[in-house]
Amino acid sequence: MKPTPTYANKPTSDNPRDVEAWALAEASRRLIDAGRSPVNEETLRAALQLNQRLWTIFQAAMTEEDCGHPPEVRTNIAALSLLVDRETVARLIDLDVSKLDTLISINRSVASGLTARPDAPAQGQPAPAPQAGARPAMAQPMAPPVSAPDGQPPRQSLRISI
């Protein structure tokens, strides 16, 4: 069993959203560092494996019975984690640092969504009035299925907002 990686910095908050955002930012930082010249294959593999472990944790959390996210959010996160798995395995095979942007972009986008506060108003807009008994919307509705020309079942677009 490999030793647990050490971290140069640690999350400053106990809020799970902040910790998850920090973990994604840390994984992105390691991927960026590993992709710099000269490329060290061992460092690149370690960064990719760390990113894969992180997304495996997210994927497993979505399957837990006590997961508090709505089904559409769980489905979207699971689908995104599968995309990250495929991309990570491809990078572990070819070690092509020029193709790390997809993983880095996904991590940064999700981290950004996690740090955004749903109750904070957008700049220049008044805060919406809270409705009694309403819970915050965590996912945007999925777009209607797009018909495939080759007779295959329609595919739904993936829209994630965490």
N, C-alpha and C. Protein backbone atom coordinates (compact mmCIF):
# COMPACT_ATOMS: atom_id res chain seq x y z
N MET A 1 0.84 -1.18 0.00
CA MET A 1 0.00 0.00 0.00
C MET A 1 0.89 1.24 0.00
N LYS A 2 0.53 2.20 -0.85
CA LYS A 2 1.32 3.42 -0.96
C LYS A 2 1.03 4.34 0.22
N PRO A 3 2.04 5.10 0.64
CA PRO A 3 1.79 6.06 1.72
C PRO A 3 0.86 7.17 1.24
N THR A 4 0.14 7.73 2.17
CA THR A 4 -0.75 8.84 1.86
C THR A 4 0.08 10.06 1.50
N PRO A 5 -0.28 10.76 0.42
CA PRO A 5 0.51 11.94 0.05
C PRO A 5 0.40 13.03 1.10
N THR A 6 1.46 13.79 1.25
CA THR A 6 1.43 14.92 2.19
C THR A 6 1.04 16.17 1.41
N TYR A 7 0.51 17.14 2.12
CA TYR A 7 0.02 18.35 1.50
C TYR A 7 0.81 19.55 2.02
N ALA A 8 1.15 20.44 1.11
CA ALA A 8 1.87 21.66 1.48
C ALA A 8 0.96 22.60 2.26
N ASN A 9 -0.32 22.58 1.93
CA ASN A 9 -1.29 23.40 2.65
C ASN A 9 -2.50 22.54 2.95
N LYS A 10 -3.33 23.03 3.84
CA LYS A 10 -4.52 22.26 4.24
C LYS A 10 -5.73 23.18 4.18
N PRO A 11 -6.93 22.59 4.05
CA PRO A 11 -8.13 23.44 4.01
C PRO A 11 -8.26 24.20 5.33
N THR A 12 -8.76 25.41 5.22
CA THR A 12 -8.90 26.26 6.41
C THR A 12 -10.29 26.20 7.01
N SER A 13 -11.18 25.45 6.39
CA SER A 13 -12.57 25.38 6.83
C SER A 13 -12.95 23.93 7.08
N ASP A 14 -13.91 23.72 7.96
CA ASP A 14 -14.45 22.38 8.20
C ASP A 14 -15.69 22.12 7.35
N ASN A 15 -16.13 23.14 6.61
CA ASN A 15 -17.29 22.99 5.75
C ASN A 15 -16.97 21.98 4.64
N PRO A 16 -17.77 20.91 4.48
CA PRO A 16 -17.47 19.89 3.46
C PRO A 16 -17.32 20.46 2.05
N ARG A 17 -18.13 21.45 1.69
CA ARG A 17 -18.01 22.05 0.35
C ARG A 17 -16.65 22.71 0.18
N ASP A 18 -16.18 23.40 1.21
CA ASP A 18 -14.88 24.06 1.14
C ASP A 18 -13.74 23.03 1.07
N VAL A 19 -13.87 21.95 1.81
CA VAL A 19 -12.84 20.90 1.80
C VAL A 19 -12.79 20.23 0.43
N GLU A 20 -13.97 19.96 -0.14
CA GLU A 20 -14.00 19.34 -1.48
C GLU A 20 -13.42 20.29 -2.53
N ALA A 21 -13.75 21.57 -2.43
CA ALA A 21 -13.20 22.56 -3.36
C ALA A 21 -11.68 22.64 -3.21
N TRP A 22 -11.20 22.63 -1.98
CA TRP A 22 -9.76 22.65 -1.74
C TRP A 22 -9.10 21.42 -2.35
N ALA A 23 -9.70 20.24 -2.15
CA ALA A 23 -9.13 18.99 -2.68
C ALA A 23 -9.04 19.04 -4.21
N LEU A 24 -10.07 19.55 -4.85
CA LEU A 24 -10.06 19.67 -6.32
C LEU A 24 -9.01 20.67 -6.77
N ALA A 25 -8.88 21.78 -6.05
CA ALA A 25 -7.86 22.77 -6.40
C ALA A 25 -6.45 22.20 -6.19
N GLU A 26 -6.27 21.44 -5.14
CA GLU A 26 -4.98 20.81 -4.87
C GLU A 26 -4.65 19.78 -5.95
N ALA A 27 -5.63 19.00 -6.36
CA ALA A 27 -5.41 18.02 -7.43
C ALA A 27 -5.05 18.73 -8.73
N SER A 28 -5.74 19.84 -9.02
CA SER A 28 -5.42 20.63 -10.21
C SER A 28 -4.00 21.18 -10.14
N ARG A 29 -3.63 21.70 -8.99
CA ARG A 29 -2.29 22.25 -8.82
C ARG A 29 -1.23 21.18 -9.09
N ARG A 30 -1.46 19.99 -8.57
CA ARG A 30 -0.50 18.90 -8.77
C ARG A 30 -0.43 18.47 -10.23
N LEU A 31 -1.57 18.46 -10.91
CA LEU A 31 -1.56 18.13 -12.33
C LEU A 31 -0.79 19.19 -13.13
N ILE A 32 -1.01 20.44 -12.79
CA ILE A 32 -0.30 21.53 -13.48
C ILE A 32 1.20 21.41 -13.23
N ASP A 33 1.59 21.22 -11.97
CA ASP A 33 3.01 21.08 -11.64
C ASP A 33 3.63 19.88 -12.35
N ALA A 34 2.91 18.78 -12.41
CA ALA A 34 3.43 17.57 -13.05
C ALA A 34 3.56 17.74 -14.55
N GLY A 35 2.80 18.65 -15.14
CA GLY A 35 2.84 18.85 -16.58
C GLY A 35 3.90 19.83 -17.04
N ARG A 36 4.61 20.44 -16.09
CA ARG A 36 5.65 21.39 -16.46
C ARG A 36 6.91 20.66 -16.88
N SER A 37 7.65 21.29 -17.78
CA SER A 37 8.92 20.71 -18.25
C SER A 37 10.01 20.93 -17.21
N PRO A 38 10.91 20.03 -17.06
CA PRO A 38 10.92 18.70 -17.65
C PRO A 38 9.90 17.80 -16.93
N VAL A 39 9.23 16.97 -17.70
CA VAL A 39 8.19 16.12 -17.15
C VAL A 39 8.82 14.94 -16.42
N ASN A 40 8.40 14.76 -15.19
CA ASN A 40 8.82 13.62 -14.39
C ASN A 40 7.66 12.62 -14.40
N GLU A 41 7.85 11.47 -15.04
CA GLU A 41 6.75 10.50 -15.19
C GLU A 41 6.19 10.04 -13.86
N GLU A 42 7.05 9.88 -12.86
CA GLU A 42 6.59 9.42 -11.55
C GLU A 42 5.69 10.47 -10.89
N THR A 43 6.06 11.73 -11.00
CA THR A 43 5.26 12.82 -10.44
C THR A 43 3.93 12.93 -11.19
N LEU A 44 3.97 12.78 -12.50
CA LEU A 44 2.75 12.84 -13.31
C LEU A 44 1.80 11.70 -12.93
N ARG A 45 2.33 10.50 -12.83
CA ARG A 45 1.49 9.37 -12.42
C ARG A 45 0.88 9.59 -11.04
N ALA A 46 1.68 10.08 -10.11
CA ALA A 46 1.18 10.33 -8.74
C ALA A 46 0.05 11.37 -8.76
N ALA A 47 0.21 12.43 -9.56
CA ALA A 47 -0.83 13.46 -9.64
C ALA A 47 -2.11 12.89 -10.25
N LEU A 48 -1.96 12.09 -11.30
CA LEU A 48 -3.13 11.47 -11.94
C LEU A 48 -3.82 10.50 -11.00
N GLN A 49 -3.04 9.72 -10.26
CA GLN A 49 -3.64 8.76 -9.33
C GLN A 49 -4.35 9.46 -8.18
N LEU A 50 -3.78 10.55 -7.70
CA LEU A 50 -4.44 11.33 -6.65
C LEU A 50 -5.78 11.87 -7.14
N ASN A 51 -5.78 12.41 -8.35
CA ASN A 51 -7.02 12.94 -8.94
C ASN A 51 -8.05 11.82 -9.09
N GLN A 52 -7.61 10.65 -9.52
CA GLN A 52 -8.53 9.53 -9.69
C GLN A 52 -9.11 9.08 -8.35
N ARG A 53 -8.29 9.04 -7.30
CA ARG A 53 -8.79 8.67 -5.97
C ARG A 53 -9.84 9.67 -5.49
N LEU A 54 -9.57 10.94 -5.71
CA LEU A 54 -10.52 11.98 -5.30
C LEU A 54 -11.87 11.78 -5.98
N TRP A 55 -11.86 11.57 -7.30
CA TRP A 55 -13.11 11.39 -8.02
C TRP A 55 -13.79 10.06 -7.69
N THR A 56 -13.02 9.06 -7.30
CA THR A 56 -13.61 7.80 -6.85
C THR A 56 -14.36 8.01 -5.54
N ILE A 57 -13.82 8.86 -4.69
CA ILE A 57 -14.51 9.19 -3.43
C ILE A 57 -15.83 9.90 -3.74
N PHE A 58 -15.82 10.86 -4.67
CA PHE A 58 -17.05 11.55 -5.05
C PHE A 58 -18.06 10.55 -5.61
N GLN A 59 -17.58 9.66 -6.46
CA GLN A 59 -18.46 8.68 -7.09
C GLN A 59 -19.08 7.77 -6.04
N ALA A 60 -18.28 7.31 -5.10
CA ALA A 60 -18.79 6.43 -4.04
C ALA A 60 -19.80 7.16 -3.15
N ALA A 61 -19.55 8.43 -2.88
CA ALA A 61 -20.47 9.21 -2.04
C ALA A 61 -21.85 9.32 -2.68
N MET A 62 -21.90 9.36 -4.00
CA MET A 62 -23.18 9.49 -4.69
C MET A 62 -24.01 8.21 -4.60
N THR A 63 -23.37 7.09 -4.27
CA THR A 63 -24.10 5.83 -4.18
C THR A 63 -24.58 5.52 -2.76
N GLU A 64 -24.17 6.31 -1.80
CA GLU A 64 -24.57 6.09 -0.42
C GLU A 64 -26.05 6.38 -0.24
N GLU A 65 -26.71 5.57 0.57
CA GLU A 65 -28.15 5.76 0.81
C GLU A 65 -28.45 7.09 1.48
N ASP A 66 -27.54 7.57 2.33
CA ASP A 66 -27.80 8.81 3.06
C ASP A 66 -27.26 10.05 2.33
N CYS A 67 -26.93 9.89 1.06
CA CYS A 67 -26.48 11.04 0.26
C CYS A 67 -27.64 12.04 0.18
N GLY A 68 -27.38 13.27 0.54
CA GLY A 68 -28.45 14.26 0.61
C GLY A 68 -28.76 14.97 -0.70
N HIS A 69 -28.02 14.65 -1.76
CA HIS A 69 -28.25 15.32 -3.03
C HIS A 69 -29.46 14.73 -3.75
N PRO A 70 -30.15 15.55 -4.52
CA PRO A 70 -31.27 15.05 -5.33
C PRO A 70 -30.75 14.07 -6.39
N PRO A 71 -31.63 13.18 -6.86
CA PRO A 71 -31.20 12.17 -7.84
C PRO A 71 -30.53 12.74 -9.08
N GLU A 72 -31.01 13.87 -9.60
CA GLU A 72 -30.39 14.41 -10.82
C GLU A 72 -28.96 14.89 -10.56
N VAL A 73 -28.68 15.42 -9.38
CA VAL A 73 -27.32 15.84 -9.05
C VAL A 73 -26.43 14.61 -8.90
N ARG A 74 -26.96 13.59 -8.23
CA ARG A 74 -26.20 12.35 -8.06
C ARG A 74 -25.84 11.75 -9.41
N THR A 75 -26.79 11.74 -10.32
CA THR A 75 -26.56 11.19 -11.65
C THR A 75 -25.51 12.01 -12.40
N ASN A 76 -25.62 13.32 -12.33
CA ASN A 76 -24.67 14.19 -13.02
C ASN A 76 -23.26 14.03 -12.48
N ILE A 77 -23.11 13.97 -11.16
CA ILE A 77 -21.78 13.81 -10.57
C ILE A 77 -21.21 12.45 -10.92
N ALA A 78 -22.04 11.42 -10.89
CA ALA A 78 -21.58 10.08 -11.26
C ALA A 78 -21.13 10.05 -12.72
N ALA A 79 -21.89 10.69 -13.60
CA ALA A 79 -21.51 10.73 -15.01
C ALA A 79 -20.21 11.50 -15.22
N LEU A 80 -20.07 12.60 -14.51
CA LEU A 80 -18.84 13.38 -14.62
C LEU A 80 -17.64 12.60 -14.08
N SER A 81 -17.85 11.86 -13.01
CA SER A 81 -16.75 11.07 -12.46
C SER A 81 -16.33 9.96 -13.42
N LEU A 82 -17.27 9.41 -14.17
CA LEU A 82 -16.92 8.40 -15.17
C LEU A 82 -16.09 9.02 -16.30
N LEU A 83 -16.45 10.24 -16.70
CA LEU A 83 -15.66 10.94 -17.71
C LEU A 83 -14.24 11.18 -17.19
N VAL A 84 -14.12 11.61 -15.94
CA VAL A 84 -12.81 11.83 -15.34
C VAL A 84 -12.03 10.52 -15.28
N ASP A 85 -12.70 9.42 -14.94
CA ASP A 85 -12.03 8.11 -14.91
C ASP A 85 -11.44 7.77 -16.28
N ARG A 86 -12.25 7.90 -17.33
CA ARG A 86 -11.78 7.58 -18.68
C ARG A 86 -10.60 8.45 -19.09
N GLU A 87 -10.72 9.73 -18.82
CA GLU A 87 -9.65 10.66 -19.19
C GLU A 87 -8.38 10.39 -18.39
N THR A 88 -8.53 10.08 -17.12
CA THR A 88 -7.37 9.80 -16.28
C THR A 88 -6.65 8.54 -16.73
N VAL A 89 -7.41 7.49 -17.01
CA VAL A 89 -6.79 6.24 -17.49
C VAL A 89 -6.06 6.48 -18.80
N ALA A 90 -6.65 7.25 -19.69
CA ALA A 90 -5.99 7.56 -20.96
C ALA A 90 -4.67 8.30 -20.72
N ARG A 91 -4.65 9.23 -19.76
CA ARG A 91 -3.42 9.96 -19.47
C ARG A 91 -2.39 9.09 -18.76
N LEU A 92 -2.86 8.14 -17.93
CA LEU A 92 -1.93 7.21 -17.30
C LEU A 92 -1.26 6.31 -18.33
N ILE A 93 -1.98 6.03 -19.41
CA ILE A 93 -1.42 5.18 -20.47
C ILE A 93 -0.45 5.95 -21.35
N ASP A 94 -0.87 7.13 -21.82
CA ASP A 94 -0.01 7.84 -22.78
C ASP A 94 0.92 8.89 -22.15
N LEU A 95 0.66 9.27 -20.90
CA LEU A 95 1.45 10.28 -20.19
C LEU A 95 1.66 11.55 -21.03
N ASP A 96 0.61 11.93 -21.75
CA ASP A 96 0.66 13.11 -22.61
C ASP A 96 0.22 14.33 -21.81
N VAL A 97 1.20 15.13 -21.37
CA VAL A 97 0.87 16.29 -20.54
C VAL A 97 0.12 17.37 -21.30
N SER A 98 0.16 17.32 -22.62
CA SER A 98 -0.57 18.32 -23.41
C SER A 98 -2.08 18.08 -23.35
N LYS A 99 -2.48 16.94 -22.80
CA LYS A 99 -3.91 16.61 -22.72
C LYS A 99 -4.44 16.66 -21.29
N LEU A 100 -3.73 17.30 -20.38
CA LEU A 100 -4.17 17.41 -18.99
C LEU A 100 -5.22 18.50 -18.79
N ASP A 101 -5.38 19.38 -19.78
CA ASP A 101 -6.29 20.52 -19.63
C ASP A 101 -7.71 20.11 -19.30
N THR A 102 -8.18 19.00 -19.86
CA THR A 102 -9.56 18.56 -19.59
C THR A 102 -9.75 18.28 -18.11
N LEU A 103 -8.84 17.52 -17.53
CA LEU A 103 -8.95 17.18 -16.10
C LEU A 103 -8.82 18.43 -15.23
N ILE A 104 -7.88 19.27 -15.57
CA ILE A 104 -7.67 20.50 -14.79
C ILE A 104 -8.91 21.40 -14.88
N SER A 105 -9.46 21.52 -16.06
CA SER A 105 -10.64 22.36 -16.26
C SER A 105 -11.85 21.83 -15.48
N ILE A 106 -12.05 20.53 -15.51
CA ILE A 106 -13.17 19.93 -14.76
C ILE A 106 -13.00 20.20 -13.28
N ASN A 107 -11.80 19.94 -12.76
CA ASN A 107 -11.55 20.16 -11.33
C ASN A 107 -11.80 21.62 -10.94
N ARG A 108 -11.29 22.53 -11.74
CA ARG A 108 -11.45 23.94 -11.43
C ARG A 108 -12.91 24.37 -11.51
N SER A 109 -13.62 23.88 -12.49
CA SER A 109 -15.04 24.26 -12.64
C SER A 109 -15.87 23.76 -11.46
N VAL A 110 -15.65 22.53 -11.07
CA VAL A 110 -16.42 21.98 -9.95
C VAL A 110 -16.02 22.68 -8.65
N ALA A 111 -14.72 22.93 -8.47
CA ALA A 111 -14.27 23.66 -7.27
C ALA A 111 -14.90 25.04 -7.21
N SER A 112 -14.98 25.71 -8.34
CA SER A 112 -15.60 27.03 -8.40
C SER A 112 -17.07 26.95 -8.02
N GLY A 113 -17.75 25.93 -8.51
CA GLY A 113 -19.15 25.75 -8.15
C GLY A 113 -19.35 25.45 -6.68
N LEU A 114 -18.40 24.73 -6.09
CA LEU A 114 -18.50 24.41 -4.67
C LEU A 114 -18.26 25.63 -3.79
N THR A 115 -17.40 26.54 -4.24
CA THR A 115 -17.12 27.72 -3.42
C THR A 115 -18.17 28.81 -3.59
N ALA A 116 -18.96 28.74 -4.67
CA ALA A 116 -20.04 29.70 -4.85
C ALA A 116 -21.11 29.43 -3.81
N ARG A 117 -21.57 30.44 -3.21
CA ARG A 117 -22.61 30.30 -2.18
C ARG A 117 -23.97 30.50 -2.82
N PRO A 118 -24.85 29.48 -2.78
CA PRO A 118 -26.15 29.62 -3.42
C PRO A 118 -27.00 30.73 -2.82
N ASP A 119 -26.72 31.12 -1.57
CA ASP A 119 -27.52 32.17 -0.94
C ASP A 119 -26.94 33.55 -1.17
N ALA A 120 -25.75 33.65 -1.84
CA ALA A 120 -25.15 34.95 -2.11
C ALA A 120 -25.69 35.50 -3.43
N PRO A 121 -26.09 36.76 -3.46
CA PRO A 121 -26.60 37.34 -4.72
C PRO A 121 -25.46 37.55 -5.71
N ALA A 122 -25.80 37.45 -6.99
CA ALA A 122 -24.82 37.74 -8.03
C ALA A 122 -24.53 39.23 -8.01
N GLN A 123 -23.36 39.62 -8.50
CA GLN A 123 -23.00 41.03 -8.48
C GLN A 123 -24.03 41.85 -9.25
N GLY A 124 -24.46 42.92 -8.60
CA GLY A 124 -25.39 43.82 -9.25
C GLY A 124 -26.84 43.37 -9.22
N GLN A 125 -27.11 42.25 -8.58
CA GLN A 125 -28.49 41.76 -8.52
C GLN A 125 -28.91 41.64 -7.06
N PRO A 126 -30.15 41.96 -6.77
CA PRO A 126 -30.62 41.81 -5.39
C PRO A 126 -30.77 40.33 -5.05
N ALA A 127 -30.65 40.05 -3.77
CA ALA A 127 -30.81 38.68 -3.31
C ALA A 127 -32.26 38.25 -3.49
N PRO A 128 -32.49 37.01 -3.96
CA PRO A 128 -33.87 36.56 -4.10
C PRO A 128 -34.50 36.35 -2.73
N ALA A 129 -35.79 36.60 -2.65
CA ALA A 129 -36.50 36.41 -1.40
C ALA A 129 -36.66 34.92 -1.13
N PRO A 130 -36.29 34.46 0.08
CA PRO A 130 -36.44 33.04 0.38
C PRO A 130 -37.91 32.65 0.45
N GLN A 131 -38.20 31.46 -0.03
CA GLN A 131 -39.57 30.96 0.02
C GLN A 131 -39.68 29.98 1.17
N ALA A 132 -40.79 30.03 1.85
CA ALA A 132 -40.99 29.13 2.98
C ALA A 132 -40.96 27.68 2.53
N GLY A 133 -40.16 26.89 3.21
CA GLY A 133 -40.09 25.45 2.93
C GLY A 133 -39.29 25.09 1.69
N ALA A 134 -38.74 26.07 0.99
CA ALA A 134 -37.98 25.76 -0.23
C ALA A 134 -36.54 25.45 0.14
N ARG A 135 -35.98 24.46 -0.54
CA ARG A 135 -34.57 24.19 -0.32
C ARG A 135 -33.80 24.70 -1.52
N PRO A 136 -32.51 25.01 -1.33
CA PRO A 136 -31.74 25.59 -2.44
C PRO A 136 -31.66 24.63 -3.62
N ALA A 137 -31.73 25.18 -4.82
CA ALA A 137 -31.61 24.36 -6.02
C ALA A 137 -30.15 24.05 -6.23
N MET A 138 -29.82 22.76 -6.34
CA MET A 138 -28.44 22.36 -6.49
C MET A 138 -28.12 21.96 -7.92
N ALA A 139 -29.11 21.72 -8.73
CA ALA A 139 -28.84 21.31 -10.12
C ALA A 139 -29.83 21.99 -11.03
N GLN A 140 -29.34 22.36 -12.19
CA GLN A 140 -30.22 22.92 -13.19
C GLN A 140 -30.92 21.76 -13.88
N PRO A 141 -32.13 21.97 -14.37
CA PRO A 141 -32.80 20.88 -15.07
C PRO A 141 -32.02 20.50 -16.32
N MET A 142 -32.07 19.22 -16.63
CA MET A 142 -31.36 18.73 -17.80
C MET A 142 -32.12 19.14 -19.06
N ALA A 143 -31.34 19.36 -20.11
CA ALA A 143 -31.95 19.72 -21.39
C ALA A 143 -32.71 18.53 -21.93
N PRO A 144 -33.72 18.77 -22.77
CA PRO A 144 -34.46 17.64 -23.32
C PRO A 144 -33.55 16.75 -24.17
N PRO A 145 -33.87 15.46 -24.27
CA PRO A 145 -33.05 14.56 -25.04
C PRO A 145 -32.92 15.00 -26.49
N VAL A 146 -31.74 14.77 -27.04
CA VAL A 146 -31.47 15.10 -28.43
C VAL A 146 -31.56 13.81 -29.23
N SER A 147 -32.34 13.81 -30.31
CA SER A 147 -32.50 12.60 -31.12
C SER A 147 -31.23 12.31 -31.89
N ALA A 148 -30.82 11.07 -31.88
CA ALA A 148 -29.63 10.64 -32.62
C ALA A 148 -30.05 10.25 -34.03
N PRO A 149 -29.30 10.69 -35.05
CA PRO A 149 -29.69 10.39 -36.43
C PRO A 149 -29.52 8.92 -36.81
N ASP A 150 -28.70 8.19 -36.07
CA ASP A 150 -28.43 6.80 -36.44
C ASP A 150 -29.37 5.79 -35.78
N GLY A 151 -30.45 6.25 -35.21
CA GLY A 151 -31.45 5.35 -34.62
C GLY A 151 -31.13 4.93 -33.19
N GLN A 152 -30.04 5.42 -32.62
CA GLN A 152 -29.71 5.08 -31.24
C GLN A 152 -30.60 5.88 -30.31
N PRO A 153 -30.72 5.43 -29.05
CA PRO A 153 -31.58 6.15 -28.11
C PRO A 153 -31.10 7.58 -27.93
N PRO A 154 -32.02 8.49 -27.63
CA PRO A 154 -31.63 9.89 -27.45
C PRO A 154 -30.69 10.04 -26.27
N ARG A 155 -29.81 11.02 -26.36
CA ARG A 155 -28.86 11.29 -25.29
C ARG A 155 -29.27 12.59 -24.60
N GLN A 156 -29.06 12.64 -23.31
CA GLN A 156 -29.33 13.86 -22.56
C GLN A 156 -28.03 14.60 -22.37
N SER A 157 -28.08 15.92 -22.43
CA SER A 157 -26.87 16.69 -22.19
C SER A 157 -26.62 16.74 -20.68
N LEU A 158 -25.39 16.84 -20.32
CA LEU A 158 -24.98 16.85 -18.93
C LEU A 158 -24.81 18.29 -18.48
N ARG A 159 -25.58 18.69 -17.48
CA ARG A 159 -25.47 20.04 -16.92
C ARG A 159 -25.30 19.89 -15.43
N ILE A 160 -24.20 20.42 -14.93
CA ILE A 160 -23.89 20.27 -13.52
C ILE A 160 -23.77 21.63 -12.88
N SER A 161 -24.40 21.78 -11.76
CA SER A 161 -24.29 22.97 -10.93
C SER A 161 -24.33 22.52 -9.49
N ILE A 162 -23.21 22.57 -8.85
CA ILE A 162 -23.11 22.05 -7.48
C ILE A 162 -23.11 23.20 -6.50
